[in-house]
Amino acid sequence: MRRMTVVAVLVASAFPAVAAADVTTKDVTLKSGKDEITGFLAVPEGKGPFPAVVVIQEWWGLNQWVKDQAKRLAKEGYVALAPDLYHGKVATVPAEAQKLMKGMPQDRALRDVKAATDYLAGMDNVKKDKLGVIGWCMGGGLALQASLADKRLVACVMCYGRVVTDAEKLEPLKASVLGIFGTQDKGIPIADVRKFGAALKENKKPVQIKEYEAGHGFMRDAKNNKAYDERSAKAAWEEIDKFFAKELKGK
């Protein structure tokens, strides 16, 4: 990996890079306002320049599953960066996850996501005009909010995240949107999802909404996740791959 010079971003040289097949990963330090946070960076093999994606965690935190999704995206040819929005904490049970999510200020989380976007935009081997974002659960809602706040993000994938149904509030959005939702999701009612899609279309925003016969969290293939639906998850990833290829690679 070539040396990266980034304004307002610090690379943690203390963290060694780890090569895995055709992907190189390392922990990096990001400057977020007055804070320093860590992030997990996955870079494809080759010189690039590559499109890039900010990867936003579920309410569990920056755990191995989120890192695996970043590595998956890197294998597809994207520089992927997952910021640690809980600043070092990871939950393993719902009660703990809920506590961490409620204790995370929304403005701080969006600032941390912006720090990750700044980092990617400052990398020599990243295409500055081809930046995307993806998130699941809590991260899905943040992916949309980040896209509303940052015009550099041109492709937004929100997986069963909180939607916005007020068309006026969606007017600032510049990114194309792919929404991945489960019709059996009790936390994000499919009726609200459809209102969200209609509100985007009302504003003539480029949007695709994909519905699956599954519940909340159906993409996370973990032993303790009863909602995991392999068939729906595979189909969702196929849509995500096509979406990012079109929006970030022009394919």
C-alpha atoms as a PDB file:
ATOM      1  CA  MET A   1       0.000   0.000   0.000  1.00  0.00           C
ATOM      2  CA  ARG A   2       1.397   3.382  -0.913  1.00  0.00           C
ATOM      3  CA  ARG A   3       1.904   6.057   1.684  1.00  0.00           C
ATOM      4  CA  MET A   4      -1.244   8.090   2.332  1.00  0.00           C
ATOM      5  CA  THR A   5      -1.170  11.805   3.108  1.00  0.00           C
ATOM      6  CA  VAL A   6      -4.525  12.880   4.501  1.00  0.00           C
ATOM      7  CA  VAL A   7      -5.567  16.236   5.929  1.00  0.00           C
ATOM      8  CA  ALA A   8      -7.241  15.887   9.334  1.00  0.00           C
ATOM      9  CA  VAL A   9      -6.678  12.119   9.320  1.00  0.00           C
ATOM     10  CA  LEU A  10      -4.009  10.175  11.164  1.00  0.00           C
ATOM     11  CA  VAL A  11      -2.828   6.751  10.071  1.00  0.00           C
ATOM     12  CA  ALA A  12      -1.948   4.522  12.976  1.00  0.00           C
ATOM     13  CA  SER A  13       1.467   3.205  12.012  1.00  0.00           C
ATOM     14  CA  ALA A  14       1.473   1.103  15.162  1.00  0.00           C
ATOM     15  CA  PHE A  15      -1.100  -1.192  13.558  1.00  0.00           C
ATOM     16  CA  PRO A  16       0.529  -3.584  11.064  1.00  0.00           C
ATOM     17  CA  ALA A  17      -1.172  -4.377   7.785  1.00  0.00           C
ATOM     18  CA  VAL A  18      -2.357  -7.949   7.330  1.00  0.00           C
ATOM     19  CA  ALA A  19      -2.582  -9.511   3.881  1.00  0.00           C
ATOM     20  CA  ALA A  20      -5.376 -12.022   3.301  1.00  0.00           C
ATOM     21  CA  ALA A  21      -5.613 -13.461  -0.211  1.00  0.00           C
ATOM     22  CA  ASP A  22      -6.204 -10.495  -2.511  1.00  0.00           C
ATOM     23  CA  VAL A  23      -7.068  -8.047   0.294  1.00  0.00           C
ATOM     24  CA  THR A  24      -4.877  -6.103   2.717  1.00  0.00           C
ATOM     25  CA  THR A  25      -6.389  -5.050   6.040  1.00  0.00           C
ATOM     26  CA  LYS A  26      -5.224  -2.828   8.859  1.00  0.00           C
ATOM     27  CA  ASP A  27      -6.546  -0.750  11.727  1.00  0.00           C
ATOM     28  CA  VAL A  28      -6.255   2.990  11.224  1.00  0.00           C
ATOM     29  CA  THR A  29      -6.791   6.046  13.380  1.00  0.00           C
ATOM     30  CA  LEU A  30      -9.228   8.703  12.198  1.00  0.00           C
ATOM     31  CA  LYS A  31      -9.486  12.305  13.351  1.00  0.00           C
ATOM     32  CA  SER A  32     -13.149  12.979  14.178  1.00  0.00           C
ATOM     33  CA  GLY A  33     -13.551  16.505  15.450  1.00  0.00           C
ATOM     34  CA  LYS A  34     -11.448  16.677  18.602  1.00  0.00           C
ATOM     35  CA  ASP A  35     -11.540  12.906  19.000  1.00  0.00           C
ATOM     36  CA  GLU A  36      -9.424  10.142  17.583  1.00  0.00           C
ATOM     37  CA  ILE A  37     -11.251   6.928  16.713  1.00  0.00           C
ATOM     38  CA  THR A  38     -10.188   3.702  15.096  1.00  0.00           C
ATOM     39  CA  GLY A  39     -11.405   2.136  11.881  1.00  0.00           C
ATOM     40  CA  PHE A  40     -10.941  -1.129  10.028  1.00  0.00           C
ATOM     41  CA  LEU A  41      -9.551  -0.648   6.521  1.00  0.00           C
ATOM     42  CA  ALA A  42      -9.649  -3.265   3.752  1.00  0.00           C
ATOM     43  CA  VAL A  43      -7.869  -2.557   0.446  1.00  0.00           C
ATOM     44  CA  PRO A  44      -7.968  -4.600  -2.785  1.00  0.00           C
ATOM     45  CA  GLU A  45      -4.826  -5.905  -4.400  1.00  0.00           C
ATOM     46  CA  GLY A  46      -3.396  -3.618  -7.089  1.00  0.00           C
ATOM     47  CA  LYS A  47      -2.538   0.036  -7.578  1.00  0.00           C
ATOM     48  CA  GLY A  48      -6.013   1.393  -8.249  1.00  0.00           C
ATOM     49  CA  PRO A  49      -7.406   3.946  -8.121  1.00  0.00           C
ATOM     50  CA  PHE A  50     -10.436   2.177  -6.672  1.00  0.00           C
ATOM     51  CA  PRO A  51     -13.942   3.293  -5.747  1.00  0.00           C
ATOM     52  CA  ALA A  52     -14.497   3.230  -1.992  1.00  0.00           C
ATOM     53  CA  VAL A  53     -17.221   2.415   0.522  1.00  0.00           C
ATOM     54  CA  VAL A  54     -17.790   3.461   4.127  1.00  0.00           C
ATOM     55  CA  VAL A  55     -19.088   0.417   6.036  1.00  0.00           C
ATOM     56  CA  ILE A  56     -21.355   1.202   8.998  1.00  0.00           C
ATOM     57  CA  GLN A  57     -21.860  -1.254  11.829  1.00  0.00           C
ATOM     58  CA  GLU A  58     -25.075  -2.725  13.240  1.00  0.00           C
ATOM     59  CA  TRP A  59     -26.045  -1.911  16.820  1.00  0.00           C
ATOM     60  CA  TRP A  60     -23.636  -4.631  17.977  1.00  0.00           C
ATOM     61  CA  GLY A  61     -20.571  -2.525  17.168  1.00  0.00           C
ATOM     62  CA  LEU A  62     -17.495  -2.998  15.011  1.00  0.00           C
ATOM     63  CA  ASN A  63     -17.367  -6.769  15.405  1.00  0.00           C
ATOM     64  CA  GLN A  64     -15.891  -9.475  13.210  1.00  0.00           C
ATOM     65  CA  TRP A  65     -19.004  -9.726  11.068  1.00  0.00           C
ATOM     66  CA  VAL A  66     -18.750  -6.067  10.066  1.00  0.00           C
ATOM     67  CA  LYS A  67     -15.046  -6.488   9.330  1.00  0.00           C
ATOM     68  CA  ASP A  68     -15.872  -9.500   7.167  1.00  0.00           C
ATOM     69  CA  GLN A  69     -18.302  -7.377   5.148  1.00  0.00           C
ATOM     70  CA  ALA A  70     -15.570  -4.790   4.612  1.00  0.00           C
ATOM     71  CA  LYS A  71     -13.236  -7.535   3.397  1.00  0.00           C
ATOM     72  CA  ARG A  72     -15.941  -8.873   1.111  1.00  0.00           C
ATOM     73  CA  LEU A  73     -16.334  -5.456  -0.502  1.00  0.00           C
ATOM     74  CA  ALA A  74     -12.566  -5.145  -0.888  1.00  0.00           C
ATOM     75  CA  LYS A  75     -12.508  -8.459  -2.734  1.00  0.00           C
ATOM     76  CA  GLU A  76     -15.030  -6.918  -5.137  1.00  0.00           C
ATOM     77  CA  GLY A  77     -12.639  -4.052  -5.878  1.00  0.00           C
ATOM     78  CA  TYR A  78     -13.606  -1.369  -3.351  1.00  0.00           C
ATOM     79  CA  VAL A  79     -11.486   0.222  -0.652  1.00  0.00           C
ATOM     80  CA  ALA A  80     -13.680  -0.329   2.414  1.00  0.00           C
ATOM     81  CA  LEU A  81     -13.449   1.456   5.753  1.00  0.00           C
ATOM     82  CA  ALA A  82     -15.544   0.661   8.834  1.00  0.00           C
ATOM     83  CA  PRO A  83     -15.299   3.330  11.571  1.00  0.00           C
ATOM     84  CA  ASP A  84     -15.706   2.243  15.185  1.00  0.00           C
ATOM     85  CA  LEU A  85     -18.776   4.240  16.256  1.00  0.00           C
ATOM     86  CA  TYR A  86     -18.764   2.795  19.793  1.00  0.00           C
ATOM     87  CA  HIS A  87     -15.141   3.817  20.375  1.00  0.00           C
ATOM     88  CA  GLY A  88     -13.810   0.436  21.407  1.00  0.00           C
ATOM     89  CA  LYS A  89     -16.926  -1.278  22.744  1.00  0.00           C
ATOM     90  CA  VAL A  90     -18.703  -4.271  21.194  1.00  0.00           C
ATOM     91  CA  ALA A  91     -21.946  -5.886  22.366  1.00  0.00           C
ATOM     92  CA  THR A  92     -22.762  -9.590  22.350  1.00  0.00           C
ATOM     93  CA  VAL A  93     -26.303  -9.529  23.798  1.00  0.00           C
ATOM     94  CA  PRO A  94     -29.282  -7.344  22.774  1.00  0.00           C
ATOM     95  CA  ALA A  95     -29.547  -5.479  26.088  1.00  0.00           C
ATOM     96  CA  GLU A  96     -25.922  -4.403  25.847  1.00  0.00           C
ATOM     97  CA  ALA A  97     -26.306  -3.430  22.190  1.00  0.00           C
ATOM     98  CA  GLN A  98     -29.360  -1.341  22.965  1.00  0.00           C
ATOM     99  CA  LYS A  99     -27.511   0.440  25.779  1.00  0.00           C
ATOM    100  CA  LEU A 100     -24.556   1.241  23.530  1.00  0.00           C
ATOM    101  CA  MET A 101     -26.786   2.472  20.724  1.00  0.00           C
ATOM    102  CA  LYS A 102     -28.807   4.733  23.021  1.00  0.00           C
ATOM    103  CA  GLY A 103     -25.598   6.083  24.537  1.00  0.00           C
ATOM    104  CA  MET A 104     -24.161   7.024  21.146  1.00  0.00           C
ATOM    105  CA  PRO A 105     -24.929  10.657  20.227  1.00  0.00           C
ATOM    106  CA  GLN A 106     -26.293  10.868  16.688  1.00  0.00           C
ATOM    107  CA  ASP A 107     -24.183  13.916  15.841  1.00  0.00           C
ATOM    108  CA  ARG A 108     -21.038  12.148  17.023  1.00  0.00           C
ATOM    109  CA  ALA A 109     -21.839   9.075  14.947  1.00  0.00           C
ATOM    110  CA  LEU A 110     -22.337  11.161  11.811  1.00  0.00           C
ATOM    111  CA  ARG A 111     -19.108  13.019  12.551  1.00  0.00           C
ATOM    112  CA  ASP A 112     -17.310   9.678  12.816  1.00  0.00           C
ATOM    113  CA  VAL A 113     -18.797   8.543   9.495  1.00  0.00           C
ATOM    114  CA  LYS A 114     -17.652  11.825   7.940  1.00  0.00           C
ATOM    115  CA  ALA A 115     -14.161  11.174   9.328  1.00  0.00           C
ATOM    116  CA  ALA A 116     -14.153   7.825   7.507  1.00  0.00           C
ATOM    117  CA  THR A 117     -15.315   9.530   4.309  1.00  0.00           C
ATOM    118  CA  ASP A 118     -12.575  12.145   4.695  1.00  0.00           C
ATOM    119  CA  TYR A 119     -10.024   9.381   5.125  1.00  0.00           C
ATOM    120  CA  LEU A 120     -11.103   7.576   1.976  1.00  0.00           C
ATOM    121  CA  ALA A 121     -11.257  10.807  -0.026  1.00  0.00           C
ATOM    122  CA  GLY A 122      -7.677  11.539   1.029  1.00  0.00           C
ATOM    123  CA  MET A 123      -6.204   8.217  -0.092  1.00  0.00           C
ATOM    124  CA  ASP A 124      -4.042   8.292  -3.214  1.00  0.00           C
ATOM    125  CA  ASN A 125      -5.533   5.060  -4.565  1.00  0.00           C
ATOM    126  CA  VAL A 126      -9.198   6.066  -4.170  1.00  0.00           C
ATOM    127  CA  LYS A 127     -11.419   7.688  -6.792  1.00  0.00           C
ATOM    128  CA  LYS A 128     -12.643  10.835  -5.043  1.00  0.00           C
ATOM    129  CA  ASP A 129     -15.871  10.996  -7.071  1.00  0.00           C
ATOM    130  CA  LYS A 130     -16.791   7.352  -6.468  1.00  0.00           C
ATOM    131  CA  LEU A 131     -17.552   7.123  -2.769  1.00  0.00           C
ATOM    132  CA  GLY A 132     -20.380   5.023  -1.379  1.00  0.00           C
ATOM    133  CA  VAL A 133     -21.760   3.933   1.969  1.00  0.00           C
ATOM    134  CA  ILE A 134     -23.477   0.820   3.298  1.00  0.00           C
ATOM    135  CA  GLY A 135     -24.974   0.034   6.677  1.00  0.00           C
ATOM    136  CA  TRP A 136     -27.156  -2.520   8.443  1.00  0.00           C
ATOM    137  CA  CYS A 137     -29.759  -1.996  11.157  1.00  0.00           C
ATOM    138  CA  MET A 138     -28.632   1.127  13.047  1.00  0.00           C
ATOM    139  CA  GLY A 139     -25.970   1.566  10.375  1.00  0.00           C
ATOM    140  CA  GLY A 140     -28.590   1.499   7.626  1.00  0.00           C
ATOM    141  CA  GLY A 141     -30.298   4.567   9.052  1.00  0.00           C
ATOM    142  CA  LEU A 142     -26.934   6.270   9.519  1.00  0.00           C
ATOM    143  CA  ALA A 143     -26.004   5.487   5.906  1.00  0.00           C
ATOM    144  CA  LEU A 144     -29.031   7.476   4.763  1.00  0.00           C
ATOM    145  CA  GLN A 145     -28.385  10.341   7.185  1.00  0.00           C
ATOM    146  CA  ALA A 146     -24.726  10.497   6.160  1.00  0.00           C
ATOM    147  CA  SER A 147     -25.746  10.644   2.500  1.00  0.00           C
ATOM    148  CA  LEU A 148     -28.157  13.482   3.229  1.00  0.00           C
ATOM    149  CA  ALA A 149     -25.370  15.416   4.945  1.00  0.00           C
ATOM    150  CA  ASP A 150     -22.430  14.671   2.627  1.00  0.00           C
ATOM    151  CA  LYS A 151     -22.744  15.189  -1.124  1.00  0.00           C
ATOM    152  CA  ARG A 152     -19.505  13.264  -1.735  1.00  0.00           C
ATOM    153  CA  LEU A 153     -21.411  10.032  -1.119  1.00  0.00           C
ATOM    154  CA  VAL A 154     -22.917   9.097  -4.470  1.00  0.00           C
ATOM    155  CA  ALA A 155     -24.208   5.584  -3.673  1.00  0.00           C
ATOM    156  CA  CYS A 156     -26.091   4.609  -0.514  1.00  0.00           C
ATOM    157  CA  VAL A 157     -27.093   1.075   0.497  1.00  0.00           C
ATOM    158  CA  MET A 158     -29.290   0.909   3.576  1.00  0.00           C
ATOM    159  CA  CYS A 159     -30.112  -2.536   4.879  1.00  0.00           C
ATOM    160  CA  TYR A 160     -33.184  -2.562   7.150  1.00  0.00           C
ATOM    161  CA  GLY A 161     -32.302   0.838   8.582  1.00  0.00           C
ATOM    162  CA  ARG A 162     -34.575   3.605   9.832  1.00  0.00           C
ATOM    163  CA  VAL A 163     -36.340   5.315   6.933  1.00  0.00           C
ATOM    164  CA  VAL A 164     -37.473   8.884   6.307  1.00  0.00           C
ATOM    165  CA  THR A 165     -40.977   9.269   4.909  1.00  0.00           C
ATOM    166  CA  ASP A 166     -41.088  13.091   4.712  1.00  0.00           C
ATOM    167  CA  ALA A 167     -40.284  14.003   1.094  1.00  0.00           C
ATOM    168  CA  GLU A 168     -39.129  17.481   2.114  1.00  0.00           C
ATOM    169  CA  LYS A 169     -36.447  16.062   4.400  1.00  0.00           C
ATOM    170  CA  LEU A 170     -35.116  13.945   1.527  1.00  0.00           C
ATOM    171  CA  GLU A 171     -34.624  16.874  -0.852  1.00  0.00           C
ATOM    172  CA  PRO A 172     -30.884  17.364  -0.041  1.00  0.00           C
ATOM    173  CA  LEU A 173     -30.064  13.783  -1.067  1.00  0.00           C
ATOM    174  CA  LYS A 174     -27.658  13.486  -4.015  1.00  0.00           C
ATOM    175  CA  ALA A 175     -26.803   9.794  -3.718  1.00  0.00           C
ATOM    176  CA  SER A 176     -28.540   6.973  -5.530  1.00  0.00           C
ATOM    177  CA  VAL A 177     -30.234   4.685  -2.991  1.00  0.00           C
ATOM    178  CA  LEU A 178     -30.657   0.932  -2.733  1.00  0.00           C
ATOM    179  CA  GLY A 179     -32.904  -0.156   0.123  1.00  0.00           C
ATOM    180  CA  ILE A 180     -32.792  -3.740   1.409  1.00  0.00           C
ATOM    181  CA  PHE A 181     -35.754  -4.591   3.652  1.00  0.00           C
ATOM    182  CA  GLY A 182     -37.633  -7.556   5.096  1.00  0.00           C
ATOM    183  CA  THR A 183     -41.405  -7.720   4.804  1.00  0.00           C
ATOM    184  CA  GLN A 184     -41.535  -9.407   8.234  1.00  0.00           C
ATOM    185  CA  ASP A 185     -39.421  -6.754   9.950  1.00  0.00           C
ATOM    186  CA  LYS A 186     -41.317  -5.607  13.064  1.00  0.00           C
ATOM    187  CA  GLY A 187     -38.911  -2.743  13.760  1.00  0.00           C
ATOM    188  CA  ILE A 188     -38.991  -1.223  10.272  1.00  0.00           C
ATOM    189  CA  PRO A 189     -42.574  -1.768   9.032  1.00  0.00           C
ATOM    190  CA  ILE A 190     -42.766  -2.495   5.320  1.00  0.00           C
ATOM    191  CA  ALA A 191     -45.550   0.098   5.009  1.00  0.00           C
ATOM    192  CA  ASP A 192     -43.072   2.799   6.111  1.00  0.00           C
ATOM    193  CA  VAL A 193     -40.474   1.419   3.702  1.00  0.00           C
ATOM    194  CA  ARG A 194     -42.896   1.855   0.837  1.00  0.00           C
ATOM    195  CA  LYS A 195     -43.685   5.406   1.949  1.00  0.00           C
ATOM    196  CA  PHE A 196     -39.935   6.060   1.979  1.00  0.00           C
ATOM    197  CA  GLY A 197     -39.602   4.812  -1.588  1.00  0.00           C
ATOM    198  CA  ALA A 198     -42.568   6.912  -2.666  1.00  0.00           C
ATOM    199  CA  ALA A 199     -41.104  10.015  -1.002  1.00  0.00           C
ATOM    200  CA  LEU A 200     -37.816   9.540  -2.864  1.00  0.00           C
ATOM    201  CA  LYS A 201     -39.637   9.083  -6.162  1.00  0.00           C
ATOM    202  CA  GLU A 202     -41.685  12.197  -5.434  1.00  0.00           C
ATOM    203  CA  ASN A 203     -38.395  14.090  -5.305  1.00  0.00           C
ATOM    204  CA  LYS A 204     -37.225  12.306  -8.452  1.00  0.00           C
ATOM    205  CA  LYS A 205     -34.364  10.680  -6.555  1.00  0.00           C
ATOM    206  CA  PRO A 206     -32.816   7.511  -8.030  1.00  0.00           C
ATOM    207  CA  VAL A 207     -33.962   4.699  -5.758  1.00  0.00           C
ATOM    208  CA  GLN A 208     -34.452   0.933  -5.742  1.00  0.00           C
ATOM    209  CA  ILE A 209     -36.307  -0.770  -2.915  1.00  0.00           C
ATOM    210  CA  LYS A 210     -35.870  -4.545  -2.629  1.00  0.00           C
ATOM    211  CA  GLU A 211     -38.192  -6.525  -0.370  1.00  0.00           C
ATOM    212  CA  TYR A 212     -37.489 -10.000   1.001  1.00  0.00           C
ATOM    213  CA  GLU A 213     -39.684 -12.434   2.904  1.00  0.00           C
ATOM    214  CA  ALA A 214     -37.535 -12.129   5.996  1.00  0.00           C
ATOM    215  CA  GLY A 215     -37.273 -10.352   9.322  1.00  0.00           C
ATOM    216  CA  HIS A 216     -34.941  -7.721  10.749  1.00  0.00           C
ATOM    217  CA  GLY A 217     -31.248  -8.578  10.571  1.00  0.00           C
ATOM    218  CA  PHE A 218     -31.682 -11.337   7.995  1.00  0.00           C
ATOM    219  CA  MET A 219     -28.277 -10.743   6.372  1.00  0.00           C
ATOM    220  CA  ARG A 220     -26.114 -11.399   9.431  1.00  0.00           C
ATOM    221  CA  ASP A 221     -24.903 -14.999   9.280  1.00  0.00           C
ATOM    222  CA  ALA A 222     -24.114 -15.522  12.952  1.00  0.00           C
ATOM    223  CA  LYS A 223     -24.910 -18.541  15.123  1.00  0.00           C
ATOM    224  CA  ASN A 224     -26.949 -16.469  17.570  1.00  0.00           C
ATOM    225  CA  ASN A 225     -29.012 -14.776  14.846  1.00  0.00           C
ATOM    226  CA  LYS A 226     -32.281 -16.665  14.364  1.00  0.00           C
ATOM    227  CA  ALA A 227     -33.395 -14.099  11.783  1.00  0.00           C
ATOM    228  CA  TYR A 228     -30.617 -15.037   9.353  1.00  0.00           C
ATOM    229  CA  ASP A 229     -32.070 -16.098   6.004  1.00  0.00           C
ATOM    230  CA  GLU A 230     -29.395 -17.496   3.724  1.00  0.00           C
ATOM    231  CA  ARG A 231     -31.456 -17.342   0.549  1.00  0.00           C
ATOM    232  CA  SER A 232     -32.588 -13.752   1.112  1.00  0.00           C
ATOM    233  CA  ALA A 233     -29.106 -12.658   2.188  1.00  0.00           C
ATOM    234  CA  LYS A 234     -27.572 -14.095  -0.963  1.00  0.00           C
ATOM    235  CA  ALA A 235     -30.185 -12.395  -3.139  1.00  0.00           C
ATOM    236  CA  ALA A 236     -29.633  -9.112  -1.314  1.00  0.00           C
ATOM    237  CA  TRP A 237     -25.880  -9.257  -1.874  1.00  0.00           C
ATOM    238  CA  GLU A 238     -26.442  -9.859  -5.551  1.00  0.00           C
ATOM    239  CA  GLU A 239     -28.452  -6.631  -5.698  1.00  0.00           C
ATOM    240  CA  ILE A 240     -25.844  -4.759  -3.672  1.00  0.00           C
ATOM    241  CA  ASP A 241     -23.032  -5.939  -5.935  1.00  0.00           C
ATOM    242  CA  LYS A 242     -24.952  -4.858  -9.042  1.00  0.00           C
ATOM    243  CA  PHE A 243     -25.819  -1.495  -7.497  1.00  0.00           C
ATOM    244  CA  PHE A 244     -22.278  -0.602  -6.452  1.00  0.00           C
ATOM    245  CA  ALA A 245     -20.872  -1.865  -9.771  1.00  0.00           C
ATOM    246  CA  LYS A 246     -23.206   0.486 -11.640  1.00  0.00           C
ATOM    247  CA  GLU A 247     -22.917   3.512  -9.372  1.00  0.00           C
ATOM    248  CA  LEU A 248     -19.236   3.295  -8.411  1.00  0.00           C
ATOM    249  CA  LYS A 249     -17.658   1.392 -11.313  1.00  0.00           C
ATOM    250  CA  GLY A 250     -19.940   2.455 -14.147  1.00  0.00           C
ATOM    251  CA  LYS A 251     -20.731  -1.156 -15.108  1.00  0.00           C
END
